[in-house]
Protein backbone atom coordinates (compact mmCIF):
# COMPACT_ATOMS: atom_id res chain seq x y z
CA UNK A 1 26.00 92.34 -97.15
CA UNK A 2 27.21 95.82 -98.54
CA UNK A 3 27.36 95.54 -102.39
CA UNK A 4 26.80 97.97 -104.97
CA UNK A 5 24.81 96.31 -108.03
CA UNK A 6 26.54 96.64 -111.10
CA UNK A 7 23.62 97.31 -112.99
CA UNK A 8 20.21 99.06 -111.68
CA UNK A 9 17.33 98.07 -111.11
CA UNK A 10 14.40 100.31 -112.06
CA UNK A 11 11.26 101.03 -109.74
CA UNK A 12 8.39 98.45 -110.82
CA UNK A 13 5.42 100.40 -111.73
CA UNK A 14 3.71 97.38 -109.65
CA UNK A 15 3.61 98.32 -105.99
CA UNK A 16 3.06 95.54 -103.67
CA UNK A 17 1.64 95.96 -100.40
CA UNK A 18 0.56 94.90 -97.59
CA UNK A 19 -3.24 92.96 -97.89
CA UNK A 20 -2.16 92.17 -100.89
CA UNK A 21 -2.23 88.08 -101.96
CA UNK A 22 1.18 86.71 -103.52
CA UNK A 23 1.08 83.53 -105.83
CA UNK A 24 4.76 81.73 -106.04
CA UNK A 25 5.15 79.46 -108.83
CA UNK A 26 7.78 77.43 -110.79
CA UNK A 27 11.37 76.34 -109.33
CA UNK A 28 12.23 75.41 -106.12
CA UNK A 29 13.96 79.25 -105.97
CA UNK A 30 9.75 79.96 -105.70
CA UNK A 31 10.03 78.35 -102.27
CA UNK A 32 12.87 79.94 -101.12
CA UNK A 33 10.76 83.19 -101.62
CA UNK A 34 7.64 82.10 -99.99
CA UNK A 35 9.54 82.32 -96.21
CA UNK A 36 10.23 85.49 -96.52
CA UNK A 37 7.33 86.82 -97.84
CA UNK A 38 5.34 85.12 -95.39
CA UNK A 39 7.90 86.30 -92.21
CA UNK A 40 6.99 90.08 -93.85
CA UNK A 41 3.49 89.59 -93.37
CA UNK A 42 1.70 88.35 -96.32
CA UNK A 43 -0.32 86.07 -97.16
CA UNK A 44 1.16 83.81 -99.61
CA UNK A 45 0.55 80.31 -101.55
CA UNK A 46 3.90 78.91 -103.42
CA UNK A 47 3.62 75.72 -105.68
CA UNK A 48 0.17 73.94 -104.80
CA UNK A 49 1.25 71.28 -107.30
CA UNK A 50 5.04 70.83 -106.23
CA UNK A 51 8.01 72.40 -107.45
CA UNK A 52 8.41 72.62 -111.20
CA UNK A 53 10.69 73.93 -113.48
CA UNK A 54 10.11 73.76 -117.18
CA UNK A 55 7.56 76.21 -118.55
CA UNK A 56 5.05 74.36 -120.23
CA UNK A 57 4.73 72.36 -116.96
CA UNK A 58 3.87 75.27 -115.37
CA UNK A 59 1.54 76.95 -117.75
CA UNK A 60 -0.06 73.55 -117.86
CA UNK A 61 -1.12 73.58 -114.33
CA UNK A 62 -2.44 77.13 -114.69
CA UNK A 63 -4.57 76.93 -117.64
CA UNK A 64 -6.21 73.69 -116.30
CA UNK A 65 -7.12 75.42 -112.84
CA UNK A 66 -8.74 78.14 -114.47
CA UNK A 67 -10.29 75.75 -117.04
CA UNK A 68 -11.53 73.61 -114.19
CA UNK A 69 -10.43 70.75 -116.41
CA UNK A 70 -11.11 67.19 -115.15
CA UNK A 71 -8.55 65.69 -117.65
CA UNK A 72 -5.93 64.37 -115.30
CA UNK A 73 -2.89 62.25 -116.85
CA UNK A 74 -1.63 59.67 -114.62
CA UNK A 75 1.51 57.37 -113.62
CA UNK A 76 2.04 54.95 -111.25
CA UNK A 77 4.93 53.39 -109.57
CA UNK A 78 4.38 50.47 -107.69
CA UNK A 79 1.31 51.05 -105.56
CA UNK A 80 1.60 54.95 -105.45
CA UNK A 81 -0.06 56.91 -108.66
CA UNK A 82 0.91 60.43 -109.50
CA UNK A 83 0.19 62.77 -112.08
CA UNK A 84 2.08 63.44 -115.00
CA UNK A 85 1.23 67.36 -114.67
CA UNK A 86 2.77 67.55 -110.72
CA UNK A 87 5.60 66.92 -108.67
CA UNK A 88 5.59 63.17 -106.74
CA UNK A 89 4.12 65.54 -103.44
CA UNK A 90 1.04 65.38 -105.25
CA UNK A 91 -0.01 61.60 -105.22
CA UNK A 92 -2.78 59.13 -104.24
CA UNK A 93 -2.71 55.45 -103.33
CA UNK A 94 -5.36 54.82 -105.83
CA UNK A 95 -6.18 56.72 -109.53
CA UNK A 96 -9.45 57.94 -107.65
CA UNK A 97 -7.66 59.32 -104.78
CA UNK A 98 -4.61 60.81 -106.87
CA UNK A 99 -7.59 62.54 -109.49
CA UNK A 100 -9.44 63.47 -106.49
CA UNK A 101 -6.11 65.10 -104.67
CA UNK A 102 -5.43 67.02 -108.09
CA UNK A 103 -9.14 68.27 -108.66
CA UNK A 104 -9.09 69.37 -105.33
CA UNK A 105 -5.69 71.64 -105.94
CA UNK A 106 -7.03 72.58 -109.10
CA UNK A 107 -10.21 74.30 -107.30
CA UNK A 108 -8.10 75.75 -104.24
CA UNK A 109 -5.52 77.19 -106.74
CA UNK A 110 -8.20 78.87 -109.03
CA UNK A 111 -9.86 80.18 -106.33
CA UNK A 112 -6.99 81.84 -104.71
CA UNK A 113 -5.49 82.74 -108.01
CA UNK A 114 -8.20 84.68 -108.47
CA UNK A 115 -8.45 86.60 -105.55
CA UNK A 116 -4.39 87.54 -105.98
CA UNK A 117 -2.65 90.75 -106.77
CA UNK A 118 0.47 89.09 -107.80
CA UNK A 119 1.39 86.45 -109.38
CA UNK A 120 5.36 85.79 -109.75
CA UNK A 121 6.65 82.69 -112.09
CA UNK A 122 9.92 81.49 -111.79
CA UNK A 123 11.40 79.53 -114.51
CA UNK A 124 13.90 76.53 -113.52
CA UNK A 125 14.78 74.96 -116.47
CA UNK A 126 14.44 75.07 -120.40
CA UNK A 127 15.44 71.08 -120.54
CA UNK A 128 11.96 68.93 -120.76
CA UNK A 129 10.74 65.53 -120.85
CA UNK A 130 8.74 63.60 -123.44
CA UNK A 131 6.99 60.59 -122.88
CA UNK A 132 7.28 58.48 -125.41
CA UNK A 133 4.34 56.45 -125.66
CA UNK A 134 2.47 59.75 -125.55
CA UNK A 135 4.31 62.26 -126.73
CA UNK A 136 3.54 64.65 -123.79
CA UNK A 137 5.56 66.59 -121.78
CA UNK A 138 5.63 66.12 -118.12
CA UNK A 139 6.39 67.80 -115.02
CA UNK A 140 7.82 65.21 -113.43
CA UNK A 141 9.25 62.14 -114.55
CA UNK A 142 8.63 60.27 -111.11
CA UNK A 143 11.45 58.13 -110.62
CA UNK A 144 10.36 56.18 -113.65
CA UNK A 145 12.61 54.71 -116.31
CA UNK A 146 14.46 57.25 -117.99
CA UNK A 147 14.05 54.77 -121.35
CA UNK A 148 10.22 55.99 -121.11
CA UNK A 149 11.50 59.47 -122.31
CA UNK A 150 13.12 61.44 -124.95
CA UNK A 151 14.82 65.16 -123.38
CA UNK A 152 14.08 67.91 -125.53
CA UNK A 153 15.43 71.66 -125.14
CA UNK A 154 12.38 74.03 -125.70
CA UNK A 155 11.72 76.21 -128.69
CA UNK A 156 10.92 79.65 -127.34
CA UNK A 157 9.01 79.90 -130.06
CA UNK A 158 6.41 77.58 -128.76
CA UNK A 159 6.58 78.61 -125.98
CA UNK A 160 6.01 82.24 -126.42
CA UNK A 161 2.83 81.15 -128.07
CA UNK A 162 1.32 79.04 -125.58
CA UNK A 163 2.77 81.79 -122.49
CA UNK A 164 1.38 84.50 -124.48
CA UNK A 165 -2.42 83.17 -125.25
CA UNK A 166 -2.27 81.86 -121.58
CA UNK A 167 -1.37 85.59 -120.22
CA UNK A 168 -4.74 86.69 -121.97
CA UNK A 169 -6.66 84.23 -120.79
CA UNK A 170 -5.02 84.65 -116.78
CA UNK A 171 -5.90 88.71 -117.10
CA UNK A 172 -9.35 87.84 -118.49
CA UNK A 173 -9.99 85.79 -115.37
CA UNK A 174 -8.22 88.27 -113.09
CA UNK A 175 -7.45 91.54 -114.97
CA UNK A 176 -6.14 93.27 -111.54
CA UNK A 177 -3.34 90.20 -111.21
CA UNK A 178 0.18 91.20 -112.00
CA UNK A 179 2.48 88.93 -113.43
CA UNK A 180 6.36 88.90 -112.47
CA UNK A 181 8.79 86.68 -114.38
CA UNK A 182 12.28 85.57 -112.84
CA UNK A 183 14.44 82.92 -113.90
CA UNK A 184 16.01 80.63 -111.07
CA UNK A 185 19.75 81.00 -110.42
CA UNK A 186 20.13 77.24 -109.20
CA UNK A 187 21.83 75.70 -111.37
CA UNK A 188 20.61 72.30 -112.94
CA UNK A 189 24.23 70.67 -112.71
CA UNK A 190 22.52 66.98 -113.64
CA UNK A 191 22.31 68.56 -117.69
CA UNK A 192 26.33 69.87 -117.32
CA UNK A 193 27.20 73.53 -117.31
CA UNK A 194 27.45 73.84 -121.07
CA UNK A 195 23.93 72.62 -121.09
CA UNK A 196 22.53 74.44 -118.28
CA UNK A 197 23.94 77.90 -119.80
CA UNK A 198 21.53 77.14 -122.79
CA UNK A 199 18.97 76.63 -120.59
CA UNK A 200 18.95 79.81 -118.90
CA UNK A 201 19.23 81.90 -122.15
CA UNK A 202 16.26 80.27 -123.72
CA UNK A 203 14.39 80.74 -120.20
CA UNK A 204 16.14 84.64 -120.09
CA UNK A 205 15.13 85.10 -123.95
CA UNK A 206 11.43 83.92 -123.61
CA UNK A 207 10.78 86.18 -120.25
CA UNK A 208 11.84 89.57 -122.09
CA UNK A 209 10.07 88.50 -125.53
CA UNK A 210 6.57 88.02 -123.01
CA UNK A 211 7.62 91.25 -121.26
CA UNK A 212 7.86 92.93 -124.78
CA UNK A 213 4.48 91.70 -126.19
CA UNK A 214 2.30 91.65 -122.99
CA UNK A 215 1.33 93.56 -120.11
CA UNK A 216 4.03 91.54 -117.63
CA UNK A 217 7.41 92.43 -115.40
CA UNK A 218 10.80 90.56 -114.89
CA UNK A 219 13.11 90.48 -111.85
CA UNK A 220 16.55 90.00 -112.43
CA UNK A 221 17.20 87.25 -109.99
CA UNK A 222 19.58 84.83 -112.28
CA UNK A 223 21.15 88.29 -113.27
CA UNK A 224 22.25 89.50 -109.31
CA UNK A 225 23.41 86.06 -108.23
CA UNK A 226 25.35 85.16 -111.89
CA UNK A 227 26.88 88.28 -112.01
CA UNK A 228 26.65 90.21 -108.98
CA UNK A 229 27.27 87.88 -106.02
CA UNK A 230 28.89 85.51 -108.67
CA UNK A 231 30.83 83.94 -105.88
CA UNK A 232 31.10 80.32 -104.93
CA UNK A 233 30.76 81.08 -101.26
CA UNK A 234 26.99 81.98 -101.96
CA UNK A 235 26.26 78.99 -102.88
CA UNK A 236 25.76 75.78 -100.66
CA UNK A 237 28.26 72.77 -100.56
CA UNK A 238 26.37 71.24 -103.72
CA UNK A 239 27.35 74.04 -105.94
CA UNK A 240 23.78 74.30 -106.83
CA UNK A 241 21.41 76.64 -104.68
CA UNK A 242 21.98 79.95 -103.57
CA UNK A 243 23.08 80.06 -99.82
CA UNK A 244 20.36 81.77 -97.57
CA UNK A 245 22.55 85.14 -97.41
CA UNK A 246 22.48 85.24 -101.57
CA UNK A 247 18.57 84.60 -101.37
CA UNK A 248 18.27 87.11 -98.88
CA UNK A 249 19.94 89.92 -101.12
CA UNK A 250 18.11 88.71 -103.67
CA UNK A 251 14.71 89.53 -101.35
CA UNK A 252 16.30 92.98 -100.36
CA UNK A 253 16.57 93.83 -103.81
CA UNK A 254 12.92 92.61 -104.59
CA UNK A 255 11.69 94.60 -101.72
CA UNK A 256 13.93 97.53 -102.98
CA UNK A 257 12.08 97.32 -106.66
CA UNK A 258 8.25 96.52 -105.85
CA UNK A 259 7.84 98.07 -101.98
CA UNK A 260 7.58 101.09 -100.83
CA UNK A 261 9.75 102.58 -98.24
CA UNK A 262 6.84 102.70 -96.20
CA UNK A 263 5.89 98.73 -96.80
CA UNK A 264 10.08 98.17 -96.82
CA UNK A 265 10.07 99.36 -92.98
CA UNK A 266 6.41 97.18 -92.08
CA UNK A 267 7.87 94.20 -93.33
CA UNK A 268 10.97 94.16 -91.38
CA UNK A 269 8.73 95.24 -88.08
CA UNK A 270 6.80 91.81 -89.03
CA UNK A 271 10.11 90.03 -89.50
CA UNK A 272 11.49 91.01 -86.27
CA UNK A 273 8.33 89.94 -84.37
CA UNK A 274 8.57 86.70 -86.35
CA UNK A 275 11.95 86.04 -85.22
CA UNK A 276 11.13 87.09 -81.53
CA UNK A 277 8.36 84.15 -81.40
CA UNK A 278 10.62 81.74 -83.08
CA UNK A 279 13.49 82.24 -80.56
CA UNK A 280 13.74 79.52 -78.22
CA UNK A 281 13.37 79.92 -74.61
CA UNK A 282 15.84 78.47 -72.60
CA UNK A 283 13.78 79.21 -69.52
CA UNK A 284 10.09 79.05 -70.00
CA UNK A 285 9.36 79.66 -65.99
CA UNK A 286 11.64 82.42 -65.39
CA UNK A 287 10.50 86.31 -64.65
CA UNK A 288 12.97 87.50 -67.31
CA UNK A 289 11.26 85.11 -69.74
CA UNK A 290 7.68 85.83 -68.96
CA UNK A 291 8.17 89.72 -69.15
CA UNK A 292 9.92 88.84 -72.94
CA UNK A 293 6.54 86.74 -74.18
CA UNK A 294 4.39 89.87 -72.70
CA UNK A 295 6.31 92.63 -74.32
CA UNK A 296 6.47 90.46 -77.61
CA UNK A 297 2.44 90.35 -77.08
CA UNK A 298 1.72 93.21 -76.90
CA UNK A 299 3.94 94.52 -79.47
CA UNK A 300 2.16 92.41 -81.96
CA UNK A 301 -1.00 93.31 -80.57
CA UNK A 302 -0.12 97.02 -81.38
CA UNK A 303 0.89 96.18 -84.79
CA UNK A 304 -2.09 93.86 -85.48
CA UNK A 305 -4.39 97.26 -84.49
CA UNK A 306 -2.60 99.67 -86.15
CA UNK A 307 -2.23 97.44 -89.48
CA UNK A 308 -5.05 94.94 -89.84
CA UNK A 309 -4.30 94.10 -93.41
CA UNK A 310 -1.14 92.36 -92.27
CA UNK A 311 -1.19 88.25 -92.44
CA UNK A 312 -0.56 86.21 -89.83
CA UNK A 313 -1.05 82.59 -89.86
């Protein structure tokens, strides 16, 4: 796409290169970016506790992992057990199985985060749901009745204090870790368009306050989609999620912000090879197809030898 940004994104002081471990945490936009990191040759982990949208939920799973907390808040729907601190894809058919799964996820994430170079946190919404019985803000309602919850709009000052303390804890745990905040361009239409804009405004204010107070960074994915692309053709039919083309555009801007020219060129070479191997061969037994595979495997071997820092699954 040939677009000219109406605002400039300065080159970041954070430089990401191959060999750096990347951790993505937050909304479904994190999952969309995961594929781009992986196809570019990076070791990347996205949302080990499932997709999380609210700053409080994201903070809770990071903190409980670093602290190696064994406290687990459980919920049950029929014969399935869930955690109030994780998405529904992390579950158990008994409370013991659920707790085992949660503790394993915390331990593995703590280990990964401890050796990561970059943590990209994507906030999705400032609207949260508080469990009336315990006054706890939950990460996911797990399709339980609405009557159990009270909907609340995030208080910026409360989350600022929580995240300021958490950032200090993260930096103490892994002093080399760089934290990049971004706000998801995905519209939370179920809240209403006015309410969605109120939500995004609070999230943007929060991340900028954190950047001013802490040594963290901001990438304007929300502004790129909403203010630069700003056209419904860059959204899927639901008019909520950006298209693959829009995500690709954001990824290219991300590379320009955090990658050197050499890293960008290497990332594109790796991506091209990924696409070559993902291409479906119609006639695998033909001489032409065999030559194609041989040439591709040779390119892969040469690239691996020249750049052992590239991550291949």
